[in-house]
Every structure is written in C-alpha cells, then in structure tokens.
C-alpha cells in the first residue's frame, strides 16, 4: 500500500507544475502571446478561447501578456450580436487582462461601427499588420485551430 501511495504522489507532483524555458518569464520580461481570430466559426473561436484559458492557468498572471487580433471574418466574434455564451467568455478573458484588438479595414468593408462591438476592445487600421508587428516585437504567434 505504501508503495502505491508513493508512486501516486510522485506521479501527481511530477506533473503538477510546468517547467518554463530560460529565461524564465517575469514581470519585466513576460511571455508575450498573440492569437489571431480570422474565422468566426463558433467551434474555432471557442477552441481559441479555451487555448487562452489553458495558457492563463499555467503562467503566473504577472509574467504573461496575451493579445487577440481579429480581422476579416474573425471580427464577427467580437460583435455584440455574436453567440452570447462566447461573448461572456471573451468578456471574462478581458477581466484577466487579455487584450482584444479589431481591424478597422474589415469594419469599413462591412460598414460596421464601433458601437456594434464588445466594449473595451481596441482598434487598429489593419489587423494583419498588427499581428505582424506584434510578432516582430517579440510576441509568439499562435493559431490554435
């Protein structure tokens, strides 16, 4: 019985914490992640949101910066009239300092106004350019789905 308990404890504690690469993420040098929303298909959006939640669970909040850049069809996911449950998840992530950025070029093409989108998102002229520039600035680009 003691042998089984010892094996269980070793197994639990060996997988309980992630090992971060050097240099370790810190307040001054956080891990920087940029995720793109380029498709509004609900399963893809929710998979991306789940990925963000998983990242947030692993890193100390003070050592992580997550940005979501939406452009093209992905802008639909940030509209107030998108799926209510998904909108609740996005707003929840904003409370954890996940930044959401929308593309004005897409808005102009679709003739959408700022008031049609979730409050507290920010906008840039070209979402794809923002994505590129974030990666040049050291953000790791992720396409979760």
N, C-alpha and C. Protein backbone atom coordinates (compact mmCIF):
# COMPACT_ATOMS: atom_id res chain seq x y z
N UNK A 1 0.82 -1.19 0.00
CA UNK A 1 0.00 0.00 0.00
C UNK A 1 0.86 1.26 0.00
N UNK A 2 1.93 1.27 0.80
CA UNK A 2 2.82 2.42 0.86
C UNK A 2 3.48 2.66 -0.50
N UNK A 3 3.80 1.57 -1.18
CA UNK A 3 4.44 1.66 -2.49
C UNK A 3 3.50 2.34 -3.50
N UNK A 4 2.25 1.95 -3.48
CA UNK A 4 1.26 2.53 -4.40
C UNK A 4 1.06 4.00 -4.09
N UNK A 5 0.96 4.36 -2.81
CA UNK A 5 0.80 5.75 -2.41
C UNK A 5 2.01 6.57 -2.83
N UNK A 6 3.20 6.05 -2.66
CA UNK A 6 4.41 6.75 -3.06
C UNK A 6 4.44 6.99 -4.56
N UNK A 7 4.06 6.00 -5.34
CA UNK A 7 4.04 6.15 -6.80
C UNK A 7 3.01 7.20 -7.21
N UNK A 8 1.84 7.17 -6.57
CA UNK A 8 0.80 8.17 -6.86
C UNK A 8 1.28 9.58 -6.55
N UNK A 9 1.91 9.77 -5.41
CA UNK A 9 2.40 11.09 -5.02
C UNK A 9 3.48 11.57 -5.99
N UNK A 10 4.39 10.71 -6.34
CA UNK A 10 5.45 11.09 -7.29
C UNK A 10 4.84 11.47 -8.63
N UNK A 11 3.86 10.70 -9.09
CA UNK A 11 3.21 10.98 -10.37
C UNK A 11 2.49 12.32 -10.33
N UNK A 12 1.74 12.57 -9.28
CA UNK A 12 0.99 13.82 -9.16
C UNK A 12 1.93 15.01 -9.12
N UNK A 13 2.97 14.95 -8.29
CA UNK A 13 3.85 16.10 -8.14
C UNK A 13 4.77 16.30 -9.34
N UNK A 14 5.06 15.28 -10.09
CA UNK A 14 5.93 15.45 -11.25
C UNK A 14 5.18 16.11 -12.41
N UNK A 15 3.86 16.06 -12.42
CA UNK A 15 3.08 16.68 -13.49
C UNK A 15 2.30 17.90 -13.01
N UNK A 16 2.49 18.31 -11.78
CA UNK A 16 1.70 19.38 -11.21
C UNK A 16 2.10 20.76 -11.70
N UNK A 17 3.32 20.93 -12.14
CA UNK A 17 3.79 22.26 -12.50
C UNK A 17 4.54 22.23 -13.81
N UNK A 18 4.30 23.23 -14.63
CA UNK A 18 5.01 23.32 -15.90
C UNK A 18 6.42 23.81 -15.66
N UNK A 19 7.31 23.38 -16.51
CA UNK A 19 8.68 23.86 -16.47
C UNK A 19 8.84 24.88 -17.58
N UNK A 20 9.26 26.08 -17.24
CA UNK A 20 9.42 27.14 -18.21
C UNK A 20 10.86 27.21 -18.68
N UNK A 21 11.03 27.54 -19.94
CA UNK A 21 12.37 27.67 -20.51
C UNK A 21 13.04 28.94 -20.02
N UNK A 22 14.36 28.93 -20.04
CA UNK A 22 15.13 30.13 -19.70
C UNK A 22 15.20 31.02 -20.92
N UNK A 23 15.13 32.31 -20.75
CA UNK A 23 14.93 32.98 -19.47
C UNK A 23 13.49 32.80 -18.99
N UNK A 24 13.34 32.62 -17.69
CA UNK A 24 12.04 32.43 -17.07
C UNK A 24 11.19 33.69 -17.29
N UNK A 25 9.88 33.52 -17.47
CA UNK A 25 9.03 34.71 -17.60
C UNK A 25 8.95 35.45 -16.27
N UNK A 26 9.02 36.77 -16.35
CA UNK A 26 8.95 37.61 -15.16
C UNK A 26 8.04 38.80 -15.44
N UNK A 27 7.84 39.63 -14.43
CA UNK A 27 7.05 40.84 -14.60
C UNK A 27 7.69 41.74 -15.66
N UNK A 28 9.02 41.89 -15.60
CA UNK A 28 9.73 42.76 -16.54
C UNK A 28 9.90 42.14 -17.92
N UNK A 29 9.95 40.83 -17.99
CA UNK A 29 10.12 40.11 -19.26
C UNK A 29 9.07 38.99 -19.36
N UNK A 30 7.81 39.39 -19.57
CA UNK A 30 6.74 38.37 -19.61
C UNK A 30 6.77 37.58 -20.91
N UNK A 31 6.11 36.43 -20.91
CA UNK A 31 5.83 35.71 -22.14
C UNK A 31 4.77 36.52 -22.87
N UNK A 32 4.97 36.72 -24.14
CA UNK A 32 4.04 37.53 -24.93
C UNK A 32 3.46 36.65 -26.04
N UNK A 33 2.13 36.55 -26.04
CA UNK A 33 1.43 35.67 -26.97
C UNK A 33 0.45 36.52 -27.78
N UNK A 34 0.39 36.30 -29.09
CA UNK A 34 -0.62 36.94 -29.93
C UNK A 34 -1.37 35.83 -30.67
N UNK A 35 -2.68 35.87 -30.53
CA UNK A 35 -3.56 34.87 -31.16
C UNK A 35 -4.43 35.59 -32.17
N UNK A 36 -4.62 34.95 -33.31
CA UNK A 36 -5.43 35.59 -34.35
C UNK A 36 -6.80 34.95 -34.49
N UNK A 37 -7.80 35.81 -34.61
CA UNK A 37 -9.15 35.40 -34.99
C UNK A 37 -9.33 35.82 -36.44
N UNK A 38 -9.30 34.89 -37.35
CA UNK A 38 -9.51 35.21 -38.76
C UNK A 38 -10.74 34.50 -39.31
N UNK A 39 -11.39 33.70 -38.47
CA UNK A 39 -12.57 32.93 -38.85
C UNK A 39 -13.57 33.06 -37.71
N UNK A 40 -14.85 33.18 -38.02
CA UNK A 40 -15.85 33.35 -36.97
C UNK A 40 -16.63 32.08 -36.66
N UNK A 41 -16.22 30.95 -37.21
CA UNK A 41 -16.91 29.69 -36.95
C UNK A 41 -16.84 29.42 -35.45
N UNK A 42 -17.98 29.23 -34.82
CA UNK A 42 -18.08 29.21 -33.36
C UNK A 42 -17.18 28.16 -32.69
N UNK A 43 -17.05 26.99 -33.28
CA UNK A 43 -16.18 25.97 -32.68
C UNK A 43 -14.71 26.41 -32.70
N UNK A 44 -14.31 27.08 -33.75
CA UNK A 44 -12.92 27.57 -33.84
C UNK A 44 -12.68 28.68 -32.82
N UNK A 45 -13.62 29.60 -32.72
CA UNK A 45 -13.47 30.69 -31.76
C UNK A 45 -13.41 30.14 -30.34
N UNK A 46 -14.31 29.23 -30.00
CA UNK A 46 -14.31 28.66 -28.65
C UNK A 46 -13.08 27.81 -28.37
N UNK A 47 -12.55 27.15 -29.38
CA UNK A 47 -11.30 26.41 -29.20
C UNK A 47 -10.17 27.39 -28.89
N UNK A 48 -10.13 28.50 -29.60
CA UNK A 48 -9.11 29.52 -29.32
C UNK A 48 -9.27 30.09 -27.92
N UNK A 49 -10.50 30.34 -27.50
CA UNK A 49 -10.73 30.86 -26.15
C UNK A 49 -10.29 29.84 -25.09
N UNK A 50 -10.57 28.57 -25.33
CA UNK A 50 -10.11 27.52 -24.40
C UNK A 50 -8.59 27.47 -24.34
N UNK A 51 -7.95 27.67 -25.47
CA UNK A 51 -6.49 27.71 -25.50
C UNK A 51 -5.97 28.85 -24.64
N UNK A 52 -6.61 30.01 -24.73
CA UNK A 52 -6.19 31.15 -23.91
C UNK A 52 -6.37 30.83 -22.43
N UNK A 53 -7.50 30.24 -22.06
CA UNK A 53 -7.72 29.85 -20.65
C UNK A 53 -6.62 28.89 -20.20
N UNK A 54 -6.24 27.94 -21.04
CA UNK A 54 -5.19 26.99 -20.67
C UNK A 54 -3.85 27.69 -20.46
N UNK A 55 -3.54 28.65 -21.31
CA UNK A 55 -2.30 29.41 -21.15
C UNK A 55 -2.33 30.19 -19.85
N UNK A 56 -3.46 30.84 -19.56
CA UNK A 56 -3.59 31.63 -18.33
C UNK A 56 -3.44 30.78 -17.08
N UNK A 57 -3.87 29.52 -17.14
CA UNK A 57 -3.76 28.64 -15.97
C UNK A 57 -2.31 28.27 -15.68
N UNK A 58 -1.47 28.24 -16.68
CA UNK A 58 -0.10 27.76 -16.50
C UNK A 58 0.89 28.84 -16.08
N UNK A 59 0.69 30.05 -16.55
CA UNK A 59 1.65 31.13 -16.28
C UNK A 59 1.15 32.03 -15.17
N UNK A 60 2.05 32.48 -14.30
CA UNK A 60 1.64 33.50 -13.32
C UNK A 60 1.19 34.75 -14.07
N UNK A 61 0.08 35.34 -13.65
CA UNK A 61 -0.52 36.45 -14.40
C UNK A 61 0.44 37.61 -14.62
N UNK A 62 1.32 37.87 -13.67
CA UNK A 62 2.25 38.99 -13.81
C UNK A 62 3.36 38.72 -14.82
N UNK A 63 3.44 37.49 -15.31
CA UNK A 63 4.52 37.14 -16.25
C UNK A 63 3.98 36.75 -17.63
N UNK A 64 2.80 37.27 -17.97
CA UNK A 64 2.16 36.88 -19.22
C UNK A 64 1.39 38.04 -19.82
N UNK A 65 1.51 38.20 -21.12
CA UNK A 65 0.75 39.20 -21.87
C UNK A 65 0.11 38.48 -23.05
N UNK A 66 -1.22 38.48 -23.12
CA UNK A 66 -1.95 37.81 -24.21
C UNK A 66 -2.76 38.85 -24.97
N UNK A 67 -2.59 38.83 -26.29
CA UNK A 67 -3.31 39.74 -27.17
C UNK A 67 -4.01 38.90 -28.24
N UNK A 68 -5.27 39.25 -28.52
CA UNK A 68 -6.02 38.62 -29.61
C UNK A 68 -6.26 39.68 -30.67
N UNK A 69 -5.85 39.38 -31.90
CA UNK A 69 -6.07 40.30 -33.02
C UNK A 69 -7.10 39.66 -33.94
N UNK A 70 -8.21 40.39 -34.15
CA UNK A 70 -9.28 39.90 -35.02
C UNK A 70 -9.27 40.71 -36.32
N UNK A 71 -9.43 39.99 -37.41
CA UNK A 71 -9.51 40.65 -38.72
C UNK A 71 -10.34 39.75 -39.65
N UNK A 72 -10.76 40.31 -40.76
CA UNK A 72 -11.58 39.53 -41.69
C UNK A 72 -12.81 38.98 -40.99
N UNK A 73 -13.17 37.77 -41.34
CA UNK A 73 -14.36 37.14 -40.78
C UNK A 73 -14.27 36.95 -39.26
N UNK A 74 -13.07 36.93 -38.72
CA UNK A 74 -12.88 36.79 -37.27
C UNK A 74 -13.44 37.96 -36.48
N UNK A 75 -13.64 39.10 -37.14
CA UNK A 75 -14.22 40.26 -36.46
C UNK A 75 -15.64 39.99 -35.97
N UNK A 76 -16.34 39.08 -36.63
CA UNK A 76 -17.73 38.77 -36.23
C UNK A 76 -17.78 38.27 -34.78
N UNK A 77 -16.74 37.60 -34.34
CA UNK A 77 -16.72 37.05 -32.97
C UNK A 77 -16.68 38.13 -31.91
N UNK A 78 -16.32 39.35 -32.28
CA UNK A 78 -16.24 40.44 -31.31
C UNK A 78 -17.47 41.35 -31.36
N UNK A 79 -18.41 41.00 -32.20
CA UNK A 79 -19.65 41.79 -32.31
C UNK A 79 -20.61 41.44 -31.17
N UNK A 80 -21.37 42.43 -30.74
CA UNK A 80 -22.34 42.23 -29.67
C UNK A 80 -23.41 41.21 -30.03
N UNK A 81 -23.67 41.02 -31.31
CA UNK A 81 -24.74 40.09 -31.72
C UNK A 81 -24.21 38.68 -32.01
N UNK A 82 -22.96 38.40 -31.66
CA UNK A 82 -22.41 37.05 -31.81
C UNK A 82 -22.98 36.18 -30.68
N UNK A 83 -22.63 34.95 -30.65
CA UNK A 83 -23.12 33.99 -29.65
C UNK A 83 -22.92 34.53 -28.22
N UNK A 84 -24.00 34.56 -27.44
CA UNK A 84 -23.96 35.15 -26.08
C UNK A 84 -22.99 34.42 -25.14
N UNK A 85 -22.97 33.09 -25.18
CA UNK A 85 -22.06 32.35 -24.31
C UNK A 85 -20.60 32.64 -24.66
N UNK A 86 -20.32 32.73 -25.94
CA UNK A 86 -18.96 33.04 -26.38
C UNK A 86 -18.59 34.47 -25.98
N UNK A 87 -19.52 35.38 -26.10
CA UNK A 87 -19.28 36.76 -25.70
C UNK A 87 -18.96 36.83 -24.21
N UNK A 88 -19.65 36.05 -23.40
CA UNK A 88 -19.39 36.01 -21.97
C UNK A 88 -17.96 35.53 -21.70
N UNK A 89 -17.51 34.53 -22.45
CA UNK A 89 -16.14 34.03 -22.29
C UNK A 89 -15.12 35.11 -22.67
N UNK A 90 -15.38 35.83 -23.75
CA UNK A 90 -14.46 36.90 -24.18
C UNK A 90 -14.38 37.99 -23.13
N UNK A 91 -15.53 38.41 -22.62
CA UNK A 91 -15.54 39.45 -21.58
C UNK A 91 -14.82 38.97 -20.33
N UNK A 92 -14.99 37.70 -19.99
CA UNK A 92 -14.28 37.12 -18.84
C UNK A 92 -12.77 37.19 -19.05
N UNK A 93 -12.32 36.86 -20.25
CA UNK A 93 -10.88 36.93 -20.54
C UNK A 93 -10.36 38.36 -20.46
N UNK A 94 -11.17 39.32 -20.84
CA UNK A 94 -10.77 40.73 -20.74
C UNK A 94 -10.53 41.11 -19.27
N UNK A 95 -11.29 40.51 -18.37
CA UNK A 95 -11.10 40.77 -16.94
C UNK A 95 -9.76 40.22 -16.45
N UNK A 96 -9.19 39.28 -17.20
CA UNK A 96 -7.86 38.73 -16.89
C UNK A 96 -6.79 39.43 -17.71
N UNK A 97 -7.09 40.62 -18.19
CA UNK A 97 -6.16 41.47 -18.94
C UNK A 97 -5.76 40.92 -20.31
N UNK A 98 -6.58 40.05 -20.88
CA UNK A 98 -6.35 39.65 -22.26
C UNK A 98 -6.87 40.80 -23.12
N UNK A 99 -6.02 41.27 -24.01
CA UNK A 99 -6.37 42.41 -24.86
C UNK A 99 -6.95 41.92 -26.19
N UNK A 100 -8.06 42.51 -26.60
CA UNK A 100 -8.68 42.17 -27.87
C UNK A 100 -8.61 43.40 -28.78
N UNK A 101 -8.10 43.17 -29.99
CA UNK A 101 -7.89 44.25 -30.96
C UNK A 101 -8.62 43.90 -32.24
N UNK A 102 -9.39 44.85 -32.77
CA UNK A 102 -10.15 44.64 -34.00
C UNK A 102 -9.60 45.45 -35.16
N UNK A 103 -9.94 45.03 -36.35
CA UNK A 103 -9.43 45.61 -37.60
C UNK A 103 -10.43 46.61 -38.19
N UNK A 104 -10.03 47.86 -38.31
CA UNK A 104 -10.90 48.89 -38.90
C UNK A 104 -11.11 48.66 -40.40
N UNK A 105 -10.14 48.10 -41.10
CA UNK A 105 -10.33 47.84 -42.52
C UNK A 105 -11.52 46.90 -42.74
N UNK A 106 -11.60 45.85 -41.91
CA UNK A 106 -12.73 44.94 -42.00
C UNK A 106 -14.03 45.67 -41.67
N UNK A 107 -13.99 46.50 -40.63
CA UNK A 107 -15.18 47.25 -40.23
C UNK A 107 -15.65 48.16 -41.36
N UNK A 108 -14.70 48.83 -42.01
CA UNK A 108 -15.05 49.73 -43.11
C UNK A 108 -15.66 48.95 -44.27
N UNK A 109 -15.06 47.81 -44.60
CA UNK A 109 -15.57 46.98 -45.70
C UNK A 109 -16.99 46.51 -45.41
N UNK A 110 -17.24 46.11 -44.17
CA UNK A 110 -18.55 45.58 -43.79
C UNK A 110 -19.53 46.68 -43.36
N UNK A 111 -19.02 47.92 -43.30
CA UNK A 111 -19.84 49.07 -42.87
C UNK A 111 -20.36 48.89 -41.43
N UNK A 112 -19.46 48.43 -40.57
CA UNK A 112 -19.76 48.25 -39.16
C UNK A 112 -19.22 49.43 -38.37
N UNK A 113 -19.92 49.80 -37.30
CA UNK A 113 -19.47 50.88 -36.43
C UNK A 113 -18.95 50.35 -35.10
N UNK A 114 -18.22 51.19 -34.39
CA UNK A 114 -17.66 50.81 -33.08
C UNK A 114 -18.73 50.31 -32.12
N UNK A 115 -19.92 50.89 -32.18
CA UNK A 115 -20.99 50.55 -31.24
C UNK A 115 -21.54 49.14 -31.44
N UNK A 116 -21.16 48.47 -32.52
CA UNK A 116 -21.63 47.11 -32.78
C UNK A 116 -20.72 46.05 -32.13
N UNK A 117 -19.66 46.52 -31.48
CA UNK A 117 -18.67 45.60 -30.91
C UNK A 117 -18.66 45.66 -29.39
N UNK A 118 -18.13 44.60 -28.81
CA UNK A 118 -17.98 44.50 -27.36
C UNK A 118 -17.20 45.71 -26.86
N UNK A 119 -17.64 46.24 -25.72
CA UNK A 119 -16.92 47.37 -25.13
C UNK A 119 -15.51 46.94 -24.73
N UNK A 120 -14.64 47.92 -24.71
CA UNK A 120 -13.26 47.76 -24.23
C UNK A 120 -12.33 47.02 -25.18
N UNK A 121 -12.78 46.74 -26.42
CA UNK A 121 -11.79 46.27 -27.38
C UNK A 121 -11.17 47.50 -28.01
N UNK A 122 -9.96 47.37 -28.47
CA UNK A 122 -9.31 48.48 -29.16
C UNK A 122 -9.26 48.17 -30.65
N UNK A 123 -8.98 49.18 -31.44
CA UNK A 123 -8.98 49.01 -32.89
C UNK A 123 -7.68 49.52 -33.49
N UNK A 124 -7.27 48.87 -34.55
CA UNK A 124 -6.14 49.31 -35.38
C UNK A 124 -6.64 49.35 -36.82
N UNK A 125 -5.93 50.05 -37.67
CA UNK A 125 -6.39 50.15 -39.05
C UNK A 125 -6.35 48.79 -39.76
N UNK A 126 -5.23 48.09 -39.62
CA UNK A 126 -5.07 46.82 -40.32
C UNK A 126 -4.68 45.73 -39.33
N UNK A 127 -5.62 44.83 -39.06
CA UNK A 127 -5.38 43.76 -38.09
C UNK A 127 -4.20 42.87 -38.47
N UNK A 128 -4.07 42.54 -39.72
CA UNK A 128 -2.98 41.67 -40.15
C UNK A 128 -1.62 42.34 -39.92
N UNK A 129 -1.57 43.65 -40.11
CA UNK A 129 -0.32 44.38 -39.86
C UNK A 129 -0.01 44.37 -38.36
N UNK A 130 -1.05 44.55 -37.53
CA UNK A 130 -0.85 44.48 -36.07
C UNK A 130 -0.29 43.12 -35.67
N UNK A 131 -0.82 42.07 -36.26
CA UNK A 131 -0.34 40.72 -35.99
C UNK A 131 1.14 40.59 -36.36
N UNK A 132 1.51 41.08 -37.52
CA UNK A 132 2.91 41.04 -37.96
C UNK A 132 3.79 41.83 -37.00
N UNK A 133 3.38 43.04 -36.68
CA UNK A 133 4.20 43.90 -35.83
C UNK A 133 4.34 43.36 -34.41
N UNK A 134 3.30 42.73 -33.89
CA UNK A 134 3.42 42.10 -32.57
C UNK A 134 4.47 40.99 -32.60
N UNK A 135 4.50 40.22 -33.68
CA UNK A 135 5.47 39.14 -33.77
C UNK A 135 6.89 39.70 -33.90
N UNK A 136 7.04 40.77 -34.66
CA UNK A 136 8.35 41.42 -34.77
C UNK A 136 8.79 41.95 -33.41
N UNK A 137 7.82 42.40 -32.60
CA UNK A 137 8.11 42.93 -31.26
C UNK A 137 8.33 41.85 -30.21
N UNK A 138 8.37 40.58 -30.64
CA UNK A 138 8.70 39.51 -29.71
C UNK A 138 7.53 38.67 -29.24
N UNK A 139 6.34 38.91 -29.73
CA UNK A 139 5.20 38.07 -29.38
C UNK A 139 5.28 36.76 -30.16
N UNK A 140 4.88 35.70 -29.50
CA UNK A 140 4.78 34.40 -30.16
C UNK A 140 3.40 34.29 -30.79
N UNK A 141 3.35 34.09 -32.10
CA UNK A 141 2.08 33.98 -32.80
C UNK A 141 1.54 32.57 -32.70
N UNK A 142 0.27 32.47 -32.36
CA UNK A 142 -0.38 31.16 -32.21
C UNK A 142 -1.64 31.11 -33.05
N UNK A 143 -1.78 30.04 -33.79
CA UNK A 143 -3.04 29.72 -34.45
C UNK A 143 -3.50 28.43 -33.79
N UNK A 144 -4.46 28.55 -32.90
CA UNK A 144 -4.85 27.40 -32.08
C UNK A 144 -5.75 26.43 -32.82
N UNK A 145 -6.35 26.84 -33.91
CA UNK A 145 -7.28 25.95 -34.60
C UNK A 145 -7.13 26.11 -36.08
